[in-house]
Amino acid sequence: MALFHRKKQIDAPEPEEEPLRLPGAPETDMSGRRSIGDHRDYLCSLVQAVSPVAMELPRAVGLAVCEDIHAPHDVPVVTTAAIDGYALDSASTKLAGRPGAVEIQVDRRPPTPVTPGTAVRVMAGSLLPEGTDCVLPLDLLDVDGEIVLFSPVKRWVGARLAGSDYGAGEVLVRNGTILHPGIISMLALAGIDEVFVRPRPKVVIVALRADESQREEVEKRARANGAQEVGSLGATAAAIESATRALDVDVTVISTTTSNEAEVTRLLSNAGRGADLVLATSDRMVAGQQDAVSSVLPHMGGSDFARVAMEPGANQGFALLDPSLVPLVVLPAGPGPALISFMAFVQPLLRKLSGLPPTDELKAETDRPIARHPDSTTFVPVRLARVGGRPVLSRAGMGDVTHAVDLSMADAIAVIGAGDEPVPTGMPLVCWRLR
């Protein structure tokens, strides 16, 4: 009989798997914060432009072509009238002024070819009738219904010759050109009906709205202040949805009041299927608590959580959702902070996804000194005007970017760099347009 029993073996708990961090994070300052520019460039480095597709020409307006487009034949393909007027054979005018005038009658029922010595009515863009090689303006017709000429007319006057715009094989549109109606008209005239472009990115917004307990508390206090009804409490999602739609991209919104992590994980997984970018917004403002999206992201793919030297919006979250590496941006709670982060980081991401270059910076001069934060970039709602031909900004309302009333009065958001001294009057500041 054994005097001692073998001690029962207890399995050691398996160590928790470390969250996957995204590579190449930029350096930080003494306070562990990234600059706005470094964080923006880092996020853009982690995404690739949307794959190009063939698209019908009219539907491609506003999109960037992904290859040089060559003329399949001469453009115009045939000679046409360049103006509204009267087409005739220039040879019939060679005796004009030697010594007398040449009278050209207008044929109201033109034969084919046009009879020499007569003219026929044509419109700009129409084919030159057979037997004609020039077009004269409408105002040359006299009261007797004739055209009286005192000098010869040169061949092809008033006409647009075949191949005068582009010859077969010449480049019509360069790779990267953004198509507008004028370019589309020219391509259509060249017989091109389909182009290779980057489609509009598909953006899915996952909006976490206030839950039932938060809504009840708001309604209770609202009734105490005399209000009978309370809105949807979805101001942040509304602001971001409108800002996204203003960029001419495809937008889908998924709203939820749940804070259950399993349900939030399911929503994000579904949002990532077929999306090019996922945006997470929240109207839940609970101090000291991490939002549900940030809690589940480390288990859904590579993630990056950082502090950026900006106020508001210092806390930034980003992830590439498995398995397709769909980028997801976690925006701060509240319309103002979310809009600032959208302009600083989401807009550049959407341009990268669309294959477009960064937007040109708009700058406007201050109309009075503006206070700075000593070590963070801040943001002020402003109105823009032209004074003496120069763009000038003035503070909208109290200049509080977290105040919806100030935002409603603004044309743009002025970016105020950190510093110990106020921004002086007349100093140009970068502005992000709101309208």
Protein backbone atom coordinates (compact mmCIF):
# COMPACT_ATOMS: atom_id res chain seq x y z
CA MET A 1 0.00 0.00 0.00
CA ALA A 2 1.43 3.28 -1.06
CA LEU A 3 2.02 5.74 1.70
CA PHE A 4 1.90 8.66 -0.61
CA HIS A 5 -0.51 9.34 -3.43
CA ARG A 6 0.77 10.82 -6.67
CA LYS A 7 -0.31 14.40 -6.92
CA LYS A 8 -3.02 14.87 -9.54
CA GLN A 9 -1.65 16.65 -12.60
CA ILE A 10 -3.39 19.92 -13.44
CA ASP A 11 -3.19 21.10 -17.04
CA ALA A 12 -1.74 24.59 -17.36
CA PRO A 13 -4.09 27.05 -19.08
CA GLU A 14 -3.19 27.74 -22.67
CA PRO A 15 -1.72 31.20 -23.14
CA GLU A 16 -3.99 33.65 -24.90
CA GLU A 17 -3.05 34.25 -28.48
CA GLU A 18 -1.45 37.64 -29.01
CA PRO A 19 -3.50 39.94 -31.25
CA LEU A 20 -2.04 40.34 -34.72
CA ARG A 21 -0.54 43.80 -35.12
CA LEU A 22 -0.21 45.44 -38.49
CA PRO A 23 3.40 45.99 -39.62
CA GLY A 24 5.29 49.19 -40.22
CA ALA A 25 3.65 51.46 -37.66
CA PRO A 26 5.10 55.01 -37.74
CA GLU A 27 7.18 56.50 -34.96
CA THR A 28 5.56 58.42 -32.13
CA ASP A 29 6.40 61.53 -30.14
CA MET A 30 7.46 61.68 -26.49
CA SER A 31 3.84 61.15 -25.45
CA GLY A 32 3.43 58.05 -27.62
CA ARG A 33 1.37 59.82 -30.29
CA ARG A 34 1.61 59.82 -34.08
CA SER A 35 1.31 62.91 -36.22
CA ILE A 36 -1.84 63.25 -38.35
CA GLY A 37 0.20 63.04 -41.55
CA ASP A 38 2.09 59.92 -40.45
CA HIS A 39 -1.09 58.14 -39.40
CA ARG A 40 -2.88 59.06 -42.64
CA ASP A 41 0.04 57.89 -44.80
CA TYR A 42 0.31 54.67 -42.78
CA LEU A 43 -3.35 53.77 -43.28
CA CYS A 44 -3.12 54.52 -47.00
CA SER A 45 -0.06 52.28 -47.27
CA LEU A 46 -2.12 49.35 -45.98
CA VAL A 47 -4.77 49.44 -48.72
CA GLN A 48 -4.75 48.95 -52.48
CA ALA A 49 -6.93 50.58 -55.11
CA VAL A 50 -10.13 48.75 -56.07
CA SER A 51 -9.62 46.36 -58.99
CA PRO A 52 -10.67 47.91 -62.33
CA VAL A 53 -13.65 46.68 -64.34
CA ALA A 54 -15.13 47.28 -67.79
CA MET A 55 -18.04 49.72 -67.62
CA GLU A 56 -20.48 51.28 -70.05
CA LEU A 57 -19.26 54.75 -71.01
CA PRO A 58 -22.05 56.96 -69.57
CA ARG A 59 -21.95 55.15 -66.21
CA ALA A 60 -18.22 55.82 -65.87
CA VAL A 61 -18.60 59.58 -65.35
CA GLY A 62 -16.49 60.74 -62.40
CA LEU A 63 -14.30 57.63 -62.44
CA ALA A 64 -10.62 57.30 -63.36
CA VAL A 65 -9.70 55.26 -66.44
CA CYS A 66 -7.12 52.55 -65.86
CA GLU A 67 -5.38 52.52 -69.24
CA ASP A 68 -4.52 54.79 -72.14
CA ILE A 69 -7.47 54.89 -74.57
CA HIS A 70 -6.47 55.03 -78.24
CA ALA A 71 -8.56 56.28 -81.15
CA PRO A 72 -9.82 53.25 -83.11
CA HIS A 73 -10.06 55.45 -86.22
CA ASP A 74 -9.91 59.10 -87.23
CA VAL A 75 -11.85 61.49 -84.99
CA PRO A 76 -14.13 62.82 -86.38
CA VAL A 77 -14.55 59.79 -88.57
CA VAL A 78 -16.21 61.91 -91.29
CA THR A 79 -16.12 65.58 -92.29
CA THR A 80 -18.93 67.60 -90.72
CA ALA A 81 -20.22 71.16 -90.54
CA ALA A 82 -18.54 73.15 -87.79
CA ILE A 83 -21.29 75.81 -87.68
CA ASP A 84 -24.95 76.27 -88.51
CA GLY A 85 -25.08 77.68 -92.01
CA TYR A 86 -25.16 76.95 -95.73
CA ALA A 87 -23.01 74.30 -97.39
CA LEU A 88 -21.77 74.77 -100.96
CA ASP A 89 -18.99 73.90 -103.37
CA SER A 90 -16.11 76.36 -102.95
CA ALA A 91 -15.25 76.01 -106.65
CA SER A 92 -18.47 77.84 -107.52
CA THR A 93 -17.13 80.99 -105.75
CA LYS A 94 -13.75 81.29 -107.51
CA LEU A 95 -14.95 84.14 -109.80
CA ALA A 96 -16.34 86.22 -106.90
CA GLY A 97 -14.98 89.79 -107.16
CA ARG A 98 -13.64 89.33 -110.74
CA PRO A 99 -14.97 91.91 -111.15
CA GLY A 100 -18.53 91.42 -109.93
CA ALA A 101 -20.19 89.44 -107.16
CA VAL A 102 -21.23 85.81 -107.34
CA GLU A 103 -24.79 85.03 -106.30
CA ILE A 104 -25.47 81.64 -104.71
CA GLN A 105 -29.07 80.47 -104.54
CA VAL A 106 -30.28 78.40 -101.57
CA ASP A 107 -31.83 75.14 -102.68
CA ARG A 108 -34.76 74.31 -100.36
CA ARG A 109 -34.97 70.76 -101.71
CA PRO A 110 -31.34 69.78 -102.13
CA PRO A 111 -30.53 67.02 -104.58
CA THR A 112 -27.66 64.56 -104.09
CA PRO A 113 -25.08 65.64 -104.99
CA VAL A 114 -25.79 69.35 -104.45
CA THR A 115 -26.05 71.30 -107.71
CA PRO A 116 -22.97 73.51 -108.32
CA GLY A 117 -23.75 77.19 -107.76
CA THR A 118 -26.34 76.46 -105.05
CA ALA A 119 -26.19 76.11 -101.26
CA VAL A 120 -28.13 73.97 -98.79
CA ARG A 121 -28.96 74.49 -95.12
CA VAL A 122 -26.89 72.44 -92.63
CA MET A 123 -26.49 72.27 -88.85
CA ALA A 124 -23.29 72.13 -86.83
CA GLY A 125 -22.17 68.53 -86.49
CA SER A 126 -24.09 67.26 -89.50
CA LEU A 127 -22.43 65.55 -92.46
CA LEU A 128 -21.42 67.78 -95.33
CA PRO A 129 -23.77 66.95 -98.22
CA GLU A 130 -22.19 65.33 -101.25
CA GLY A 131 -20.94 68.00 -103.65
CA THR A 132 -20.10 70.56 -100.93
CA ASP A 133 -16.82 71.36 -99.21
CA CYS A 134 -17.43 74.52 -97.13
CA VAL A 135 -20.06 76.13 -94.87
CA LEU A 136 -20.94 79.84 -94.73
CA PRO A 137 -22.65 81.54 -91.74
CA LEU A 138 -26.42 82.06 -91.67
CA ASP A 139 -26.15 85.85 -91.59
CA LEU A 140 -24.80 85.95 -95.18
CA LEU A 141 -28.29 85.25 -96.53
CA ASP A 142 -29.78 88.47 -97.92
CA VAL A 143 -33.42 89.58 -98.03
CA ASP A 144 -33.87 87.99 -101.45
CA GLY A 145 -32.89 84.57 -100.08
CA GLU A 146 -29.49 84.53 -101.84
CA ILE A 147 -25.88 84.55 -100.72
CA VAL A 148 -23.89 87.32 -102.40
CA LEU A 149 -20.11 86.88 -102.35
CA PHE A 150 -17.46 89.43 -103.34
CA SER A 151 -14.44 87.17 -102.75
CA PRO A 152 -13.79 83.45 -103.21
CA VAL A 153 -14.40 81.03 -100.35
CA LYS A 154 -11.59 78.70 -99.36
CA ARG A 155 -12.17 74.96 -99.31
CA TRP A 156 -13.20 73.50 -95.91
CA VAL A 157 -14.09 76.86 -94.38
CA GLY A 158 -16.73 76.22 -91.68
CA ALA A 159 -16.09 72.48 -91.75
CA ARG A 160 -14.47 70.02 -89.33
CA LEU A 161 -12.33 67.63 -91.30
CA ALA A 162 -12.21 63.90 -90.69
CA GLY A 163 -9.19 63.17 -88.48
CA SER A 164 -8.69 66.82 -87.53
CA ASP A 165 -9.07 66.08 -83.79
CA TYR A 166 -7.29 62.72 -83.56
CA GLY A 167 -5.80 60.30 -86.04
CA ALA A 168 -6.28 56.55 -85.77
CA GLY A 169 -4.08 55.17 -82.98
CA GLU A 170 -3.52 58.47 -81.17
CA VAL A 171 -4.12 58.59 -77.39
CA LEU A 172 -7.55 60.02 -76.66
CA VAL A 173 -7.38 59.76 -72.84
CA ARG A 174 -4.41 59.07 -70.59
CA ASN A 175 -4.38 56.48 -67.81
CA GLY A 176 -5.69 58.02 -64.58
CA THR A 177 -7.86 60.68 -66.25
CA ILE A 178 -11.16 61.31 -64.46
CA LEU A 179 -14.00 61.16 -66.95
CA HIS A 180 -16.39 64.09 -67.27
CA PRO A 181 -19.25 64.60 -69.77
CA GLY A 182 -17.00 66.40 -72.27
CA ILE A 183 -14.50 63.54 -72.40
CA ILE A 184 -17.31 61.01 -72.58
CA SER A 185 -18.81 62.86 -75.55
CA MET A 186 -15.48 62.74 -77.37
CA LEU A 187 -15.04 59.02 -76.65
CA ALA A 188 -18.57 58.32 -77.86
CA LEU A 189 -17.86 60.19 -81.09
CA ALA A 190 -14.83 57.93 -81.52
CA GLY A 191 -17.11 54.90 -81.34
CA ILE A 192 -16.00 53.81 -77.85
CA ASP A 193 -18.89 52.54 -75.72
CA GLU A 194 -17.03 50.80 -72.87
CA VAL A 195 -14.02 51.79 -70.77
CA PHE A 196 -11.80 50.15 -68.16
CA VAL A 197 -12.22 52.08 -64.87
CA ARG A 198 -11.98 51.67 -61.12
CA PRO A 199 -15.56 51.35 -59.81
CA ARG A 200 -16.83 53.45 -56.97
CA PRO A 201 -15.74 51.91 -53.66
CA LYS A 202 -18.44 50.08 -51.71
CA VAL A 203 -18.60 51.45 -48.18
CA VAL A 204 -20.53 49.79 -45.36
CA ILE A 205 -21.23 51.85 -42.24
CA VAL A 206 -21.86 49.85 -39.06
CA ALA A 207 -23.67 52.27 -36.74
CA LEU A 208 -23.82 51.46 -33.03
CA ARG A 209 -26.72 53.47 -31.67
CA ALA A 210 -27.54 54.22 -28.05
CA ASP A 211 -28.91 51.15 -26.28
CA GLU A 212 -32.23 50.98 -24.46
CA SER A 213 -30.93 52.10 -21.06
CA GLN A 214 -29.15 55.12 -22.56
CA ARG A 215 -32.21 56.05 -24.57
CA GLU A 216 -34.45 55.80 -21.51
CA GLU A 217 -32.12 58.10 -19.59
CA VAL A 218 -32.10 60.66 -22.41
CA GLU A 219 -35.90 60.52 -22.73
CA LYS A 220 -36.31 60.93 -18.98
CA ARG A 221 -34.16 64.07 -18.91
CA ALA A 222 -35.77 65.39 -22.11
CA ARG A 223 -39.24 65.11 -20.57
CA ALA A 224 -37.96 66.96 -17.52
CA ASN A 225 -36.99 69.78 -19.90
CA GLY A 226 -40.43 69.79 -21.54
CA ALA A 227 -39.63 67.76 -24.67
CA GLN A 228 -42.23 65.19 -25.67
CA GLU A 229 -40.19 63.24 -28.23
CA VAL A 230 -36.54 62.35 -28.69
CA GLY A 231 -34.87 61.74 -32.05
CA SER A 232 -33.17 58.58 -33.20
CA LEU A 233 -29.94 59.31 -31.28
CA GLY A 234 -28.03 58.42 -34.45
CA ALA A 235 -26.42 61.78 -35.22
CA THR A 236 -22.93 60.35 -35.72
CA ALA A 237 -24.07 57.78 -38.27
CA ALA A 238 -26.12 60.45 -40.09
CA ALA A 239 -23.12 62.78 -40.30
CA ILE A 240 -20.78 60.07 -41.62
CA GLU A 241 -23.32 58.63 -44.05
CA SER A 242 -23.91 62.07 -45.58
CA ALA A 243 -20.18 62.82 -45.74
CA THR A 244 -19.58 59.48 -47.48
CA ARG A 245 -22.42 59.93 -49.97
CA ALA A 246 -21.06 63.38 -50.84
CA LEU A 247 -17.95 61.63 -52.20
CA ASP A 248 -20.03 59.75 -54.79
CA VAL A 249 -19.41 56.23 -53.47
CA ASP A 250 -21.80 53.33 -52.90
CA VAL A 251 -22.98 53.36 -49.27
CA THR A 252 -24.83 50.81 -47.15
CA VAL A 253 -25.73 51.44 -43.49
CA ILE A 254 -26.22 48.72 -40.87
CA SER A 255 -27.61 49.94 -37.53
CA THR A 256 -27.71 48.13 -34.23
CA THR A 257 -28.30 48.84 -30.55
CA THR A 258 -26.56 45.69 -29.35
CA SER A 259 -23.35 45.70 -27.33
CA ASN A 260 -23.04 41.91 -27.38
CA GLU A 261 -19.57 41.13 -28.71
CA ALA A 262 -20.66 38.00 -30.55
CA GLU A 263 -23.39 39.93 -32.34
CA VAL A 264 -21.04 42.82 -33.16
CA THR A 265 -18.51 40.31 -34.55
CA ARG A 266 -21.21 38.82 -36.76
CA LEU A 267 -22.27 42.26 -38.02
CA LEU A 268 -18.70 43.24 -38.86
CA SER A 269 -18.06 39.94 -40.63
CA ASN A 270 -21.17 40.41 -42.74
CA ALA A 271 -20.23 44.03 -43.46
CA GLY A 272 -16.83 42.95 -44.74
CA ARG A 273 -18.32 40.62 -47.37
CA GLY A 274 -18.27 42.50 -50.65
CA ALA A 275 -17.24 45.84 -49.09
CA ASP A 276 -14.15 47.82 -50.01
CA LEU A 277 -14.20 49.79 -46.74
CA VAL A 278 -16.09 49.42 -43.45
CA LEU A 279 -16.69 52.39 -41.15
CA ALA A 280 -17.76 51.89 -37.54
CA THR A 281 -19.60 54.77 -35.87
CA SER A 282 -20.99 55.06 -32.38
CA ASP A 283 -23.29 57.35 -30.40
CA ARG A 284 -22.46 55.60 -27.13
CA MET A 285 -20.39 57.96 -25.02
CA VAL A 286 -19.41 56.11 -21.86
CA ALA A 287 -16.22 57.36 -20.24
CA GLY A 288 -13.61 54.72 -19.51
CA GLN A 289 -15.29 51.97 -21.53
CA GLN A 290 -13.97 50.61 -24.81
CA ASP A 291 -16.60 50.40 -27.53
CA ALA A 292 -17.73 46.96 -28.67
CA VAL A 293 -16.15 47.28 -32.13
CA SER A 294 -12.67 47.99 -30.75
CA SER A 295 -13.06 45.08 -28.34
CA VAL A 296 -13.66 42.47 -31.04
CA LEU A 297 -11.35 43.72 -33.81
CA PRO A 298 -8.12 42.13 -32.48
CA HIS A 299 -9.74 38.72 -32.97
CA MET A 300 -10.92 39.45 -36.52
CA GLY A 301 -7.62 40.23 -38.26
CA GLY A 302 -4.63 42.53 -38.08
CA SER A 303 -5.43 45.64 -36.08
CA ASP A 304 -3.86 48.96 -35.17
CA PHE A 305 -4.91 51.14 -32.25
CA ALA A 306 -3.05 54.40 -31.89
CA ARG A 307 -3.08 57.79 -30.30
CA VAL A 308 -2.74 60.71 -32.71
CA ALA A 309 -1.68 64.23 -31.77
CA MET A 310 -5.10 65.77 -32.45
CA GLU A 311 -8.09 66.96 -30.46
CA PRO A 312 -10.77 65.71 -30.79
CA GLY A 313 -10.23 62.22 -32.18
CA ALA A 314 -6.94 61.31 -30.49
CA ASN A 315 -7.87 57.60 -30.23
CA GLN A 316 -7.86 55.92 -33.63
CA GLY A 317 -8.64 52.31 -34.53
CA PHE A 318 -8.02 50.44 -37.78
CA ALA A 319 -8.10 46.80 -38.89
CA LEU A 320 -7.85 44.58 -41.94
CA LEU A 321 -10.69 42.08 -41.58
CA ASP A 322 -9.95 38.43 -42.38
CA PRO A 323 -10.11 36.72 -44.78
CA SER A 324 -10.23 39.37 -47.53
CA LEU A 325 -8.25 42.06 -45.66
CA VAL A 326 -11.09 44.58 -45.94
CA PRO A 327 -10.03 47.83 -44.22
CA LEU A 328 -12.13 49.00 -41.27
CA VAL A 329 -11.88 52.39 -39.58
CA VAL A 330 -13.27 52.95 -36.08
CA LEU A 331 -14.48 56.55 -35.88
CA PRO A 332 -14.76 58.42 -32.57
CA ALA A 333 -18.18 58.84 -30.96
CA GLY A 334 -20.08 62.04 -31.69
CA PRO A 335 -20.71 63.87 -35.00
CA GLY A 336 -17.93 66.45 -34.64
CA PRO A 337 -15.06 64.12 -33.67
CA ALA A 338 -16.22 61.53 -36.21
CA LEU A 339 -16.33 64.13 -39.02
CA ILE A 340 -12.82 65.32 -38.18
CA SER A 341 -11.44 61.77 -38.32
CA PHE A 342 -13.41 61.14 -41.52
CA MET A 343 -11.82 64.14 -43.25
CA ALA A 344 -8.35 63.42 -41.91
CA PHE A 345 -8.19 59.68 -42.63
CA VAL A 346 -11.24 58.24 -44.41
CA GLN A 347 -11.29 60.67 -47.34
CA PRO A 348 -7.64 59.92 -48.23
CA LEU A 349 -8.38 56.19 -47.93
CA LEU A 350 -11.34 56.47 -50.30
CA ARG A 351 -9.24 58.36 -52.85
CA LYS A 352 -6.58 55.64 -52.62
CA LEU A 353 -9.24 52.96 -53.12
CA SER A 354 -10.58 54.91 -56.12
CA GLY A 355 -7.12 55.21 -57.67
CA LEU A 356 -7.26 59.01 -57.39
CA PRO A 357 -4.43 61.35 -56.34
CA PRO A 358 -4.68 63.31 -53.06
CA THR A 359 -6.89 66.40 -53.24
CA ASP A 360 -5.34 69.84 -53.60
CA GLU A 361 -5.13 71.73 -50.33
CA LEU A 362 -7.44 74.70 -49.81
CA LYS A 363 -5.92 77.51 -47.74
CA ALA A 364 -7.56 80.63 -46.36
CA GLU A 365 -6.21 83.52 -44.29
CA THR A 366 -7.39 84.13 -40.74
CA ASP A 367 -9.42 87.28 -40.09
CA ARG A 368 -8.29 87.40 -36.46
CA PRO A 369 -5.92 85.51 -34.11
CA ILE A 370 -6.87 81.92 -33.23
CA ALA A 371 -5.68 80.13 -30.10
CA ARG A 372 -3.55 76.99 -30.47
CA HIS A 373 -3.16 73.87 -28.36
CA PRO A 374 0.45 73.57 -27.15
CA ASP A 375 1.02 70.00 -28.40
CA SER A 376 -2.03 68.86 -30.42
CA THR A 377 -3.59 69.82 -33.73
CA THR A 378 -7.05 71.25 -33.21
CA PHE A 379 -9.95 72.10 -35.52
CA VAL A 380 -12.26 75.09 -35.84
CA PRO A 381 -15.51 75.36 -37.85
CA VAL A 382 -15.16 78.39 -40.15
CA ARG A 383 -16.94 80.33 -42.86
CA LEU A 384 -15.07 81.20 -46.05
CA ALA A 385 -15.25 84.43 -48.03
CA ARG A 386 -13.16 86.26 -50.64
CA VAL A 387 -11.69 89.57 -49.53
CA GLY A 388 -9.61 91.47 -52.05
CA GLY A 389 -9.50 88.37 -54.22
CA ARG A 390 -8.06 86.21 -51.42
CA PRO A 391 -9.86 83.47 -49.45
CA VAL A 392 -10.39 84.51 -45.83
CA LEU A 393 -11.85 82.46 -42.98
CA SER A 394 -13.84 83.55 -39.96
CA ARG A 395 -14.95 81.47 -37.00
CA ALA A 396 -18.43 79.95 -37.27
CA GLY A 397 -20.40 80.48 -34.06
CA MET A 398 -18.18 79.78 -31.08
CA GLY A 399 -15.79 77.76 -33.23
CA ASP A 400 -16.43 74.52 -31.32
CA VAL A 401 -16.10 71.50 -33.61
CA THR A 402 -17.98 69.30 -31.13
CA HIS A 403 -20.98 71.67 -31.20
CA ALA A 404 -23.51 70.74 -33.91
CA VAL A 405 -24.82 74.33 -34.17
CA ASP A 406 -21.33 75.65 -34.97
CA LEU A 407 -20.86 72.91 -37.58
CA SER A 408 -24.21 73.79 -39.16
CA MET A 409 -23.05 77.37 -39.75
CA ALA A 410 -19.66 76.40 -41.21
CA ASP A 411 -18.38 76.04 -44.78
CA ALA A 412 -15.19 74.27 -43.75
CA ILE A 413 -13.01 73.04 -40.90
CA ALA A 414 -9.75 74.95 -40.32
CA VAL A 415 -6.76 72.86 -39.22
CA ILE A 416 -4.85 74.57 -36.40
CA GLY A 417 -1.33 73.23 -35.86
CA ALA A 418 0.09 72.94 -32.33
CA GLY A 419 2.02 75.86 -30.90
CA ASP A 420 2.55 78.13 -27.92
CA GLU A 421 1.48 81.35 -29.65
CA PRO A 422 -1.90 82.06 -31.26
CA VAL A 423 -2.23 81.89 -35.04
CA PRO A 424 -1.77 85.54 -36.17
CA THR A 425 -4.21 87.46 -38.35
CA GLY A 426 -3.58 86.91 -42.05
CA MET A 427 -1.87 83.52 -41.69
CA PRO A 428 -3.02 80.94 -44.27
CA LEU A 429 -4.52 77.77 -42.77
CA VAL A 430 -5.45 74.48 -44.42
CA CYS A 431 -9.25 74.12 -44.61
CA TRP A 432 -11.34 71.00 -45.22
CA ARG A 433 -14.56 71.86 -47.04
CA LEU A 434 -17.91 70.82 -45.58
CA ARG A 435 -20.00 71.89 -48.59
